[in-house]
Amino acid sequence: MQIEITGRTEQIIREQMERGGYRTPEEVVDEALNRLGMGAGTAPLPPPKRLSAEEFQRNLDEIARFSDEMPVLDPAAFSRESIYEDRD
């Protein structure tokens, strides 16, 4: 199937692709049609954000920033027995 897209619709597709969430116009249209199929009242998800290697590393560093302040737990804390010890 071929569909001719012009004007504002073409501009919207280009903007979505420039934001980095989609690689092709087909992906943008496919996502838009999938959202239409979900029905009213469903909050749409934002397009996935593709991170550069530097952004990914910064995110990992941010997650690990306070890891040295976390308490060290005894390995027994994660045993099956310790998880279910208060259940009869």
N, C-alpha and C. Protein backbone atom coordinates (compact mmCIF):
# COMPACT_ATOMS: atom_id res chain seq x y z
N MET A 1 0.85 -1.17 0.00
CA MET A 1 0.00 0.00 0.00
C MET A 1 0.89 1.23 0.00
N GLN A 2 0.52 2.20 -0.76
CA GLN A 2 1.25 3.46 -0.77
C GLN A 2 0.30 4.58 -0.39
N ILE A 3 0.79 5.49 0.44
CA ILE A 3 0.00 6.63 0.87
C ILE A 3 0.83 7.88 0.60
N GLU A 4 0.20 8.88 0.00
CA GLU A 4 0.90 10.13 -0.25
C GLU A 4 0.66 11.06 0.94
N ILE A 5 1.75 11.53 1.52
CA ILE A 5 1.68 12.42 2.68
C ILE A 5 2.27 13.76 2.29
N THR A 6 1.53 14.82 2.56
CA THR A 6 2.00 16.15 2.21
C THR A 6 1.74 17.12 3.35
N GLY A 7 2.30 18.30 3.22
CA GLY A 7 2.00 19.40 4.14
C GLY A 7 2.37 19.15 5.58
N ARG A 8 1.46 19.47 6.47
CA ARG A 8 1.70 19.41 7.92
C ARG A 8 2.05 17.99 8.38
N THR A 9 1.41 16.99 7.79
CA THR A 9 1.68 15.61 8.18
C THR A 9 3.13 15.24 7.91
N GLU A 10 3.63 15.65 6.76
CA GLU A 10 5.04 15.38 6.44
C GLU A 10 5.96 16.08 7.42
N GLN A 11 5.62 17.29 7.79
CA GLN A 11 6.42 18.04 8.76
C GLN A 11 6.44 17.33 10.12
N ILE A 12 5.30 16.83 10.55
CA ILE A 12 5.22 16.12 11.83
C ILE A 12 6.10 14.87 11.79
N ILE A 13 6.05 14.13 10.70
CA ILE A 13 6.88 12.92 10.58
C ILE A 13 8.35 13.28 10.64
N ARG A 14 8.74 14.33 9.95
CA ARG A 14 10.16 14.75 9.97
C ARG A 14 10.57 15.17 11.38
N GLU A 15 9.71 15.90 12.09
CA GLU A 15 10.02 16.33 13.46
C GLU A 15 10.20 15.12 14.38
N GLN A 16 9.33 14.13 14.23
CA GLN A 16 9.44 12.93 15.07
C GLN A 16 10.75 12.19 14.79
N MET A 17 11.14 12.12 13.55
CA MET A 17 12.39 11.44 13.21
C MET A 17 13.60 12.21 13.72
N GLU A 18 13.55 13.54 13.68
CA GLU A 18 14.66 14.37 14.17
C GLU A 18 14.84 14.24 15.67
N ARG A 19 13.77 13.97 16.39
CA ARG A 19 13.86 13.81 17.85
C ARG A 19 14.58 12.53 18.23
N GLY A 20 14.79 11.66 17.28
CA GLY A 20 15.60 10.47 17.54
C GLY A 20 14.84 9.24 17.94
N GLY A 21 13.52 9.30 18.01
CA GLY A 21 12.77 8.14 18.43
C GLY A 21 12.51 7.14 17.32
N TYR A 22 12.62 7.57 16.09
CA TYR A 22 12.29 6.71 14.96
C TYR A 22 13.36 6.83 13.89
N ARG A 23 13.58 5.72 13.17
CA ARG A 23 14.59 5.71 12.10
C ARG A 23 13.99 5.95 10.74
N THR A 24 12.72 5.57 10.56
CA THR A 24 12.10 5.69 9.24
C THR A 24 10.71 6.31 9.36
N PRO A 25 10.21 6.90 8.27
CA PRO A 25 8.84 7.42 8.29
C PRO A 25 7.82 6.31 8.57
N GLU A 26 8.11 5.10 8.11
CA GLU A 26 7.20 3.99 8.34
C GLU A 26 7.02 3.71 9.83
N GLU A 27 8.11 3.83 10.61
CA GLU A 27 8.01 3.61 12.05
C GLU A 27 7.11 4.66 12.69
N VAL A 28 7.21 5.90 12.25
CA VAL A 28 6.38 6.97 12.81
C VAL A 28 4.91 6.69 12.52
N VAL A 29 4.61 6.36 11.27
CA VAL A 29 3.22 6.10 10.87
C VAL A 29 2.70 4.86 11.59
N ASP A 30 3.51 3.82 11.68
CA ASP A 30 3.10 2.60 12.36
C ASP A 30 2.76 2.87 13.82
N GLU A 31 3.60 3.63 14.50
CA GLU A 31 3.34 3.97 15.90
C GLU A 31 2.06 4.79 16.04
N ALA A 32 1.87 5.76 15.15
CA ALA A 32 0.67 6.59 15.20
C ALA A 32 -0.59 5.74 15.01
N LEU A 33 -0.55 4.81 14.07
CA LEU A 33 -1.71 3.95 13.84
C LEU A 33 -1.94 2.99 15.00
N ASN A 34 -0.86 2.50 15.61
CA ASN A 34 -1.00 1.64 16.79
C ASN A 34 -1.67 2.41 17.93
N ARG A 35 -1.29 3.65 18.11
CA ARG A 35 -1.90 4.47 19.17
C ARG A 35 -3.38 4.71 18.90
N LEU A 36 -3.73 4.92 17.65
CA LEU A 36 -5.15 5.08 17.30
C LEU A 36 -5.93 3.82 17.64
N GLY A 37 -5.30 2.69 17.42
CA GLY A 37 -5.96 1.42 17.69
C GLY A 37 -6.15 1.13 19.16
N MET A 38 -5.40 1.81 20.03
CA MET A 38 -5.53 1.58 21.47
C MET A 38 -6.84 2.11 22.01
N GLY A 39 -7.43 3.06 21.35
CA GLY A 39 -8.70 3.61 21.81
C GLY A 39 -8.50 4.85 22.67
N ALA A 40 -9.59 5.55 22.89
CA ALA A 40 -9.56 6.78 23.68
C ALA A 40 -9.32 6.47 25.15
N GLY A 41 -8.72 7.39 25.82
CA GLY A 41 -8.48 7.24 27.25
C GLY A 41 -7.16 6.58 27.59
N THR A 42 -6.46 6.09 26.61
CA THR A 42 -5.16 5.47 26.85
C THR A 42 -4.08 6.51 26.61
N ALA A 43 -3.29 6.75 27.62
CA ALA A 43 -2.21 7.74 27.48
C ALA A 43 -1.13 7.16 26.59
N PRO A 44 -0.77 7.87 25.53
CA PRO A 44 0.27 7.35 24.64
C PRO A 44 1.65 7.40 25.30
N LEU A 45 2.46 6.45 24.95
CA LEU A 45 3.83 6.42 25.43
C LEU A 45 4.69 7.32 24.56
N PRO A 46 5.67 7.98 25.17
CA PRO A 46 6.57 8.79 24.34
C PRO A 46 7.44 7.87 23.49
N PRO A 47 7.94 8.37 22.38
CA PRO A 47 8.80 7.53 21.55
C PRO A 47 10.08 7.18 22.30
N PRO A 48 10.66 6.03 22.03
CA PRO A 48 11.88 5.65 22.73
C PRO A 48 13.01 6.62 22.40
N LYS A 49 13.81 6.91 23.40
CA LYS A 49 14.94 7.82 23.21
C LYS A 49 16.20 6.99 23.01
N ARG A 50 16.88 7.23 21.95
CA ARG A 50 18.14 6.54 21.68
C ARG A 50 19.27 7.35 22.30
N LEU A 51 20.03 6.69 23.15
CA LEU A 51 21.12 7.37 23.85
C LEU A 51 22.44 7.14 23.12
N SER A 52 23.25 8.16 23.15
CA SER A 52 24.61 7.97 22.65
C SER A 52 25.38 7.19 23.71
N ALA A 53 26.55 6.72 23.37
CA ALA A 53 27.37 5.98 24.33
C ALA A 53 27.72 6.87 25.53
N GLU A 54 27.96 8.16 25.28
CA GLU A 54 28.30 9.08 26.36
C GLU A 54 27.11 9.30 27.29
N GLU A 55 25.91 9.46 26.71
CA GLU A 55 24.70 9.64 27.53
C GLU A 55 24.42 8.39 28.35
N PHE A 56 24.61 7.23 27.75
CA PHE A 56 24.39 5.98 28.46
C PHE A 56 25.35 5.86 29.64
N GLN A 57 26.62 6.19 29.42
CA GLN A 57 27.61 6.12 30.49
C GLN A 57 27.28 7.11 31.59
N ARG A 58 26.85 8.32 31.23
CA ARG A 58 26.46 9.30 32.24
C ARG A 58 25.29 8.79 33.08
N ASN A 59 24.32 8.14 32.43
CA ASN A 59 23.20 7.58 33.18
C ASN A 59 23.65 6.50 34.14
N LEU A 60 24.55 5.63 33.69
CA LEU A 60 25.07 4.59 34.57
C LEU A 60 25.82 5.20 35.75
N ASP A 61 26.62 6.23 35.48
CA ASP A 61 27.35 6.90 36.55
C ASP A 61 26.40 7.53 37.56
N GLU A 62 25.31 8.10 37.08
CA GLU A 62 24.33 8.72 37.97
C GLU A 62 23.64 7.68 38.85
N ILE A 63 23.32 6.53 38.26
CA ILE A 63 22.71 5.45 39.03
C ILE A 63 23.66 4.97 40.12
N ALA A 64 24.94 4.88 39.80
CA ALA A 64 25.94 4.35 40.75
C ALA A 64 26.47 5.41 41.70
N ARG A 65 26.04 6.64 41.56
CA ARG A 65 26.62 7.75 42.32
C ARG A 65 26.64 7.51 43.83
N PHE A 66 25.58 6.97 44.39
CA PHE A 66 25.51 6.76 45.84
C PHE A 66 25.69 5.30 46.23
N SER A 67 26.18 4.49 45.32
CA SER A 67 26.30 3.06 45.61
C SER A 67 27.27 2.78 46.75
N ASP A 68 28.27 3.63 46.95
CA ASP A 68 29.21 3.40 48.05
C ASP A 68 28.58 3.67 49.41
N GLU A 69 27.41 4.31 49.43
CA GLU A 69 26.71 4.59 50.69
C GLU A 69 25.69 3.52 51.04
N MET A 70 25.47 2.58 50.14
CA MET A 70 24.49 1.53 50.40
C MET A 70 25.08 0.52 51.36
N PRO A 71 24.25 0.01 52.27
CA PRO A 71 24.77 -0.99 53.21
C PRO A 71 25.09 -2.31 52.50
N VAL A 72 26.09 -2.98 53.02
CA VAL A 72 26.44 -4.29 52.49
C VAL A 72 25.62 -5.31 53.27
N LEU A 73 24.85 -6.08 52.54
CA LEU A 73 23.99 -7.07 53.19
C LEU A 73 24.65 -8.44 53.20
N ASP A 74 24.35 -9.17 54.24
CA ASP A 74 24.82 -10.54 54.36
C ASP A 74 24.20 -11.36 53.23
N PRO A 75 24.97 -12.24 52.58
CA PRO A 75 24.40 -13.05 51.51
C PRO A 75 23.16 -13.85 51.93
N ALA A 76 23.06 -14.16 53.22
CA ALA A 76 21.90 -14.91 53.71
C ALA A 76 20.62 -14.08 53.58
N ALA A 77 20.74 -12.76 53.45
CA ALA A 77 19.57 -11.90 53.32
C ALA A 77 18.81 -12.20 52.03
N PHE A 78 19.47 -12.81 51.07
CA PHE A 78 18.84 -13.10 49.80
C PHE A 78 18.55 -14.58 49.60
N SER A 79 18.66 -15.36 50.67
CA SER A 79 18.37 -16.78 50.54
C SER A 79 16.85 -16.99 50.53
N ARG A 80 16.45 -18.09 49.98
CA ARG A 80 15.03 -18.42 49.93
C ARG A 80 14.45 -18.50 51.35
N GLU A 81 15.20 -19.06 52.26
CA GLU A 81 14.73 -19.21 53.63
C GLU A 81 14.49 -17.85 54.29
N SER A 82 15.43 -16.91 54.08
CA SER A 82 15.26 -15.61 54.72
C SER A 82 14.12 -14.80 54.11
N ILE A 83 13.88 -15.00 52.84
CA ILE A 83 12.78 -14.26 52.19
C ILE A 83 11.43 -14.75 52.71
N TYR A 84 11.30 -16.05 52.95
CA TYR A 84 10.02 -16.62 53.38
C TYR A 84 9.97 -16.97 54.86
N GLU A 85 10.91 -16.49 55.67
CA GLU A 85 10.99 -16.93 57.07
C GLU A 85 9.78 -16.50 57.89
N ASP A 86 9.10 -15.41 57.53
CA ASP A 86 7.98 -14.94 58.33
C ASP A 86 6.64 -15.47 57.82
N ARG A 87 6.67 -16.44 56.91
CA ARG A 87 5.42 -17.00 56.38
C ARG A 87 5.21 -18.41 56.94
N ASP A 88 4.01 -18.68 57.27
CA ASP A 88 3.71 -20.02 57.82
C ASP A 88 3.05 -20.88 56.81
